[in-house]
N, C-alpha and C. Protein backbone atom coordinates (compact mmCIF):
# COMPACT_ATOMS: atom_id res chain seq x y z
N MET A 1 88.31 -27.96 -30.71
CA MET A 1 88.19 -26.97 -31.80
C MET A 1 87.29 -25.73 -31.20
N ASP A 2 87.88 -24.58 -31.52
CA ASP A 2 87.13 -23.35 -31.13
C ASP A 2 85.79 -23.36 -32.03
N LYS A 3 84.78 -22.94 -31.35
CA LYS A 3 83.46 -22.90 -32.07
C LYS A 3 82.94 -21.53 -32.26
N LEU A 4 83.49 -20.49 -31.63
CA LEU A 4 83.02 -19.15 -31.86
C LEU A 4 84.13 -18.20 -32.19
N SER A 5 83.83 -17.05 -32.92
CA SER A 5 84.77 -16.09 -33.37
C SER A 5 84.08 -14.72 -33.30
N ILE A 6 85.05 -13.87 -33.61
CA ILE A 6 84.59 -12.37 -33.83
C ILE A 6 85.30 -11.95 -35.08
N LEU A 7 84.51 -11.26 -35.92
CA LEU A 7 85.16 -10.71 -37.07
C LEU A 7 84.79 -9.20 -37.12
N VAL A 8 85.77 -8.28 -37.16
CA VAL A 8 85.58 -6.87 -37.10
C VAL A 8 86.14 -6.32 -38.34
N GLN A 9 85.37 -5.53 -39.08
CA GLN A 9 85.80 -4.80 -40.31
C GLN A 9 85.91 -3.43 -39.93
N LEU A 10 87.14 -2.76 -40.34
CA LEU A 10 87.44 -1.49 -40.10
C LEU A 10 87.88 -0.77 -41.38
N GLU A 11 87.42 0.59 -41.49
CA GLU A 11 87.93 1.26 -42.62
C GLU A 11 88.54 2.57 -42.07
N ALA A 12 89.82 2.75 -42.43
CA ALA A 12 90.59 3.94 -41.87
C ALA A 12 90.19 5.24 -42.59
N LYS A 13 90.13 6.31 -41.79
CA LYS A 13 89.82 7.55 -42.43
C LYS A 13 91.05 7.85 -43.37
N PRO A 14 90.82 8.71 -44.38
CA PRO A 14 91.92 9.11 -45.23
C PRO A 14 93.18 9.69 -44.44
N GLY A 15 94.29 9.11 -44.69
CA GLY A 15 95.48 9.76 -43.98
C GLY A 15 95.68 9.03 -42.62
N LYS A 16 94.81 8.15 -42.21
CA LYS A 16 95.00 7.55 -40.92
C LYS A 16 95.36 6.01 -41.05
N GLU A 17 95.72 5.65 -42.30
CA GLU A 17 96.02 4.22 -42.40
C GLU A 17 97.14 3.75 -41.60
N ASP A 18 98.23 4.56 -41.62
CA ASP A 18 99.44 4.08 -40.78
C ASP A 18 99.11 3.95 -39.26
N GLU A 19 98.30 4.97 -38.78
CA GLU A 19 97.96 4.97 -37.42
C GLU A 19 97.11 3.69 -37.08
N VAL A 20 96.20 3.38 -38.01
CA VAL A 20 95.35 2.11 -37.74
C VAL A 20 96.29 0.83 -37.69
N GLU A 21 97.15 0.75 -38.61
CA GLU A 21 98.10 -0.33 -38.66
C GLU A 21 98.80 -0.40 -37.41
N LYS A 22 99.41 0.69 -36.93
CA LYS A 22 100.17 0.77 -35.64
C LYS A 22 99.34 0.36 -34.41
N PHE A 23 98.05 0.86 -34.38
CA PHE A 23 97.24 0.60 -33.41
C PHE A 23 96.88 -0.92 -33.21
N LEU A 24 96.60 -1.52 -34.43
CA LEU A 24 96.27 -2.90 -34.46
C LEU A 24 97.53 -3.80 -33.88
N LYS A 25 98.74 -3.39 -34.41
CA LYS A 25 99.92 -4.08 -33.95
C LYS A 25 100.13 -4.00 -32.44
N SER A 26 99.85 -2.78 -31.89
CA SER A 26 100.00 -2.43 -30.59
C SER A 26 99.11 -3.25 -29.69
N ALA A 27 98.01 -3.69 -30.20
CA ALA A 27 97.05 -4.41 -29.34
C ALA A 27 97.44 -5.94 -29.00
N LEU A 28 98.41 -6.41 -29.77
CA LEU A 28 98.85 -7.76 -29.53
C LEU A 28 99.15 -8.17 -28.03
N PRO A 29 99.90 -7.35 -27.40
CA PRO A 29 100.15 -7.68 -25.93
C PRO A 29 98.89 -7.82 -25.07
N LEU A 30 97.85 -6.94 -25.38
CA LEU A 30 96.65 -6.94 -24.62
C LEU A 30 95.90 -8.29 -24.90
N VAL A 31 95.89 -8.65 -26.04
CA VAL A 31 95.20 -10.04 -26.40
C VAL A 31 96.00 -11.17 -25.83
N GLN A 32 97.26 -11.15 -25.90
CA GLN A 32 98.09 -12.31 -25.25
C GLN A 32 97.83 -12.49 -23.81
N ALA A 33 97.33 -11.36 -23.15
CA ALA A 33 96.96 -11.65 -21.72
C ALA A 33 95.59 -12.26 -21.44
N GLU A 34 94.86 -12.38 -22.55
CA GLU A 34 93.46 -12.87 -22.43
C GLU A 34 93.56 -14.43 -22.49
N THR A 35 93.08 -15.04 -21.45
CA THR A 35 93.27 -16.50 -21.35
C THR A 35 92.10 -17.22 -22.19
N GLY A 36 90.95 -16.43 -22.42
CA GLY A 36 89.85 -17.03 -23.24
C GLY A 36 89.91 -16.82 -24.66
N THR A 37 90.90 -16.05 -25.15
CA THR A 37 91.06 -15.95 -26.55
C THR A 37 92.14 -16.88 -27.10
N THR A 38 91.79 -17.76 -28.01
CA THR A 38 92.69 -18.79 -28.53
C THR A 38 93.59 -18.18 -29.62
N THR A 39 92.92 -17.61 -30.60
CA THR A 39 93.75 -17.05 -31.77
C THR A 39 93.23 -15.57 -31.88
N TRP A 40 94.11 -14.67 -32.44
CA TRP A 40 93.78 -13.34 -32.84
C TRP A 40 94.59 -12.89 -33.83
N TYR A 41 93.98 -12.35 -34.94
CA TYR A 41 94.56 -11.88 -36.17
C TYR A 41 94.29 -10.45 -36.38
N ALA A 42 95.16 -9.63 -36.63
CA ALA A 42 94.99 -8.31 -37.07
C ALA A 42 95.29 -8.26 -38.64
N LEU A 43 94.42 -7.82 -39.44
CA LEU A 43 94.52 -7.95 -40.87
C LEU A 43 94.50 -6.59 -41.60
N LYS A 44 95.22 -6.49 -42.74
CA LYS A 44 95.26 -5.50 -43.65
C LYS A 44 94.55 -6.06 -44.93
N MET A 45 93.54 -5.57 -45.31
CA MET A 45 92.78 -6.25 -46.57
C MET A 45 92.71 -5.28 -47.73
N GLY A 46 93.33 -4.14 -47.56
CA GLY A 46 93.45 -3.24 -48.63
C GLY A 46 94.17 -1.93 -48.08
N PRO A 47 94.27 -1.00 -49.02
CA PRO A 47 94.91 0.31 -48.55
C PRO A 47 94.27 0.97 -47.39
N SER A 48 92.95 0.88 -47.23
CA SER A 48 92.34 1.53 -46.02
C SER A 48 91.39 0.52 -45.28
N LYS A 49 91.41 -0.71 -45.75
CA LYS A 49 90.47 -1.67 -45.14
C LYS A 49 91.35 -2.59 -44.27
N PHE A 50 90.84 -2.72 -42.89
CA PHE A 50 91.52 -3.57 -41.94
C PHE A 50 90.46 -4.50 -41.30
N GLY A 51 90.96 -5.36 -40.39
CA GLY A 51 90.14 -6.25 -39.83
C GLY A 51 90.72 -6.86 -38.61
N ILE A 52 89.91 -7.50 -37.86
CA ILE A 52 90.35 -8.44 -36.65
C ILE A 52 89.52 -9.65 -36.67
N PHE A 53 90.21 -10.74 -36.55
CA PHE A 53 89.56 -12.04 -36.44
C PHE A 53 90.08 -12.76 -35.28
N ASP A 54 89.22 -13.23 -34.39
CA ASP A 54 89.66 -14.05 -33.20
C ASP A 54 88.72 -15.21 -33.02
N THR A 55 89.34 -16.20 -32.34
CA THR A 55 88.46 -17.46 -31.99
C THR A 55 88.48 -17.67 -30.53
N PHE A 56 87.44 -18.51 -30.14
CA PHE A 56 87.18 -18.77 -28.78
C PHE A 56 86.58 -20.11 -28.54
N PRO A 57 86.99 -20.76 -27.44
CA PRO A 57 86.34 -22.11 -27.20
C PRO A 57 84.92 -22.05 -26.73
N ASP A 58 84.48 -20.96 -26.12
CA ASP A 58 83.22 -20.80 -25.68
C ASP A 58 82.70 -19.35 -25.51
N GLU A 59 81.48 -19.13 -25.14
CA GLU A 59 80.90 -17.85 -25.01
C GLU A 59 81.52 -16.96 -23.95
N ASN A 60 82.12 -17.61 -22.88
CA ASN A 60 82.63 -16.82 -21.81
C ASN A 60 83.91 -16.11 -22.39
N GLY A 61 84.71 -16.83 -23.23
CA GLY A 61 85.90 -16.24 -23.74
C GLY A 61 85.61 -15.14 -24.69
N ARG A 62 84.55 -15.33 -25.47
CA ARG A 62 84.20 -14.37 -26.55
C ARG A 62 83.67 -13.07 -25.74
N ASN A 63 82.81 -13.21 -24.69
CA ASN A 63 82.23 -12.16 -23.97
C ASN A 63 83.32 -11.38 -23.32
N ALA A 64 84.31 -12.17 -22.68
CA ALA A 64 85.36 -11.44 -21.98
C ALA A 64 86.23 -10.60 -22.92
N HIS A 65 86.44 -11.02 -24.14
CA HIS A 65 87.17 -10.33 -25.18
C HIS A 65 86.31 -9.05 -25.66
N LEU A 66 85.11 -9.22 -25.84
CA LEU A 66 84.30 -8.10 -26.22
C LEU A 66 84.17 -6.97 -25.14
N GLY A 67 84.35 -7.30 -23.95
CA GLY A 67 84.38 -6.36 -22.84
C GLY A 67 85.81 -6.06 -22.35
N GLY A 68 86.81 -6.48 -23.11
CA GLY A 68 88.19 -6.34 -22.68
C GLY A 68 88.88 -5.06 -23.10
N GLU A 69 90.23 -5.11 -22.87
CA GLU A 69 91.02 -3.80 -23.20
C GLU A 69 91.16 -3.51 -24.61
N VAL A 70 91.19 -4.49 -25.57
CA VAL A 70 91.28 -4.21 -26.89
C VAL A 70 89.96 -3.52 -27.38
N ALA A 71 88.82 -4.06 -27.03
CA ALA A 71 87.58 -3.43 -27.41
C ALA A 71 87.48 -2.05 -26.87
N LYS A 72 87.93 -1.82 -25.65
CA LYS A 72 87.80 -0.47 -25.05
C LYS A 72 88.67 0.45 -25.80
N ALA A 73 89.94 0.07 -26.15
CA ALA A 73 90.84 0.90 -26.87
C ALA A 73 90.30 1.20 -28.40
N LEU A 74 89.75 0.19 -28.91
CA LEU A 74 89.13 0.36 -30.29
C LEU A 74 88.15 1.39 -30.36
N PHE A 75 87.20 1.25 -29.44
CA PHE A 75 86.06 2.23 -29.46
C PHE A 75 86.52 3.64 -28.95
N ALA A 76 87.56 3.69 -28.13
CA ALA A 76 88.12 5.02 -27.69
C ALA A 76 88.67 5.77 -28.93
N LYS A 77 89.22 4.99 -29.80
CA LYS A 77 89.94 5.67 -30.97
C LYS A 77 89.06 5.61 -32.14
N ALA A 78 87.93 4.96 -32.14
CA ALA A 78 87.08 4.85 -33.38
C ALA A 78 86.72 6.19 -34.15
N GLU A 79 86.26 7.26 -33.38
CA GLU A 79 86.00 8.42 -34.09
C GLU A 79 87.13 9.12 -34.83
N ASP A 80 88.26 9.05 -34.16
CA ASP A 80 89.56 9.52 -34.71
C ASP A 80 90.10 8.84 -35.94
N LEU A 81 90.06 7.45 -35.86
CA LEU A 81 90.77 6.58 -36.91
C LEU A 81 89.88 6.08 -38.02
N PHE A 82 88.62 5.92 -37.75
CA PHE A 82 87.85 5.15 -38.68
C PHE A 82 86.73 5.96 -39.35
N ALA A 83 86.60 5.71 -40.65
CA ALA A 83 85.63 6.41 -41.49
C ALA A 83 84.20 6.12 -41.09
N LYS A 84 84.00 5.00 -40.46
CA LYS A 84 82.65 4.50 -39.95
C LYS A 84 82.83 3.65 -38.75
N PRO A 85 81.80 3.40 -37.91
CA PRO A 85 82.01 2.63 -36.79
C PRO A 85 82.44 1.18 -37.13
N PRO A 86 83.23 0.59 -36.22
CA PRO A 86 83.69 -0.83 -36.46
C PRO A 86 82.45 -1.70 -36.64
N ALA A 87 82.53 -2.59 -37.71
CA ALA A 87 81.36 -3.60 -37.98
C ALA A 87 81.75 -4.83 -37.32
N ILE A 88 81.00 -5.23 -36.32
CA ILE A 88 81.43 -6.40 -35.43
C ILE A 88 80.44 -7.46 -35.83
N GLU A 89 80.90 -8.69 -36.19
CA GLU A 89 80.06 -9.87 -36.39
C GLU A 89 80.58 -10.95 -35.50
N GLN A 90 79.69 -11.78 -35.07
CA GLN A 90 80.11 -12.94 -34.11
C GLN A 90 79.75 -14.28 -34.75
N PRO A 91 80.47 -14.64 -35.82
CA PRO A 91 80.17 -15.98 -36.51
C PRO A 91 80.56 -17.26 -35.69
N GLU A 92 79.85 -18.33 -36.01
CA GLU A 92 80.20 -19.63 -35.55
C GLU A 92 81.16 -20.29 -36.43
N ILE A 93 81.97 -20.96 -35.94
CA ILE A 93 83.04 -21.68 -36.69
C ILE A 93 82.46 -23.12 -37.06
N LEU A 94 82.39 -23.36 -38.23
CA LEU A 94 81.87 -24.79 -38.69
C LEU A 94 82.89 -25.84 -38.89
N ALA A 95 84.06 -25.41 -39.42
CA ALA A 95 85.22 -26.38 -39.69
C ALA A 95 86.46 -25.61 -39.65
N VAL A 96 87.54 -26.26 -39.33
CA VAL A 96 88.82 -25.73 -39.24
C VAL A 96 89.93 -26.69 -39.63
N LYS A 97 90.97 -26.19 -40.31
CA LYS A 97 92.09 -27.02 -40.52
C LYS A 97 93.23 -26.55 -39.48
N ALA A 98 93.68 -27.31 -38.63
CA ALA A 98 94.61 -26.92 -37.56
C ALA A 98 95.92 -27.57 -37.83
N PRO A 99 97.00 -26.86 -37.42
CA PRO A 99 98.32 -27.49 -37.65
C PRO A 99 98.45 -28.76 -36.87
N ARG A 100 99.26 -29.62 -37.45
CA ARG A 100 99.44 -30.94 -36.92
C ARG A 100 100.47 -30.81 -35.69
N ALA A 101 100.20 -31.57 -34.65
CA ALA A 101 101.03 -31.47 -33.50
C ALA A 101 102.30 -32.25 -33.66
């Protein structure tokens, strides 16, 4: 079971909602190349509210992701796309229901 995660909350600037959605979808290939990231979700939580949720088996995977290509791209576009800086949290996972094998 993965024990660590990252939760990022994003608020699109007015008129930038479609660009944020496209940006998040375009990040998938970058994350797929990360061996330490187990799961990654790009979320739309409302008209201008978006998020990212990822899980990791250990601190090495989480740190690699925080310093990886998606994080670099996110902060490079932050001023243009987001109404405020991305809010990044690093919760611990307490329990999970996983698909049956």
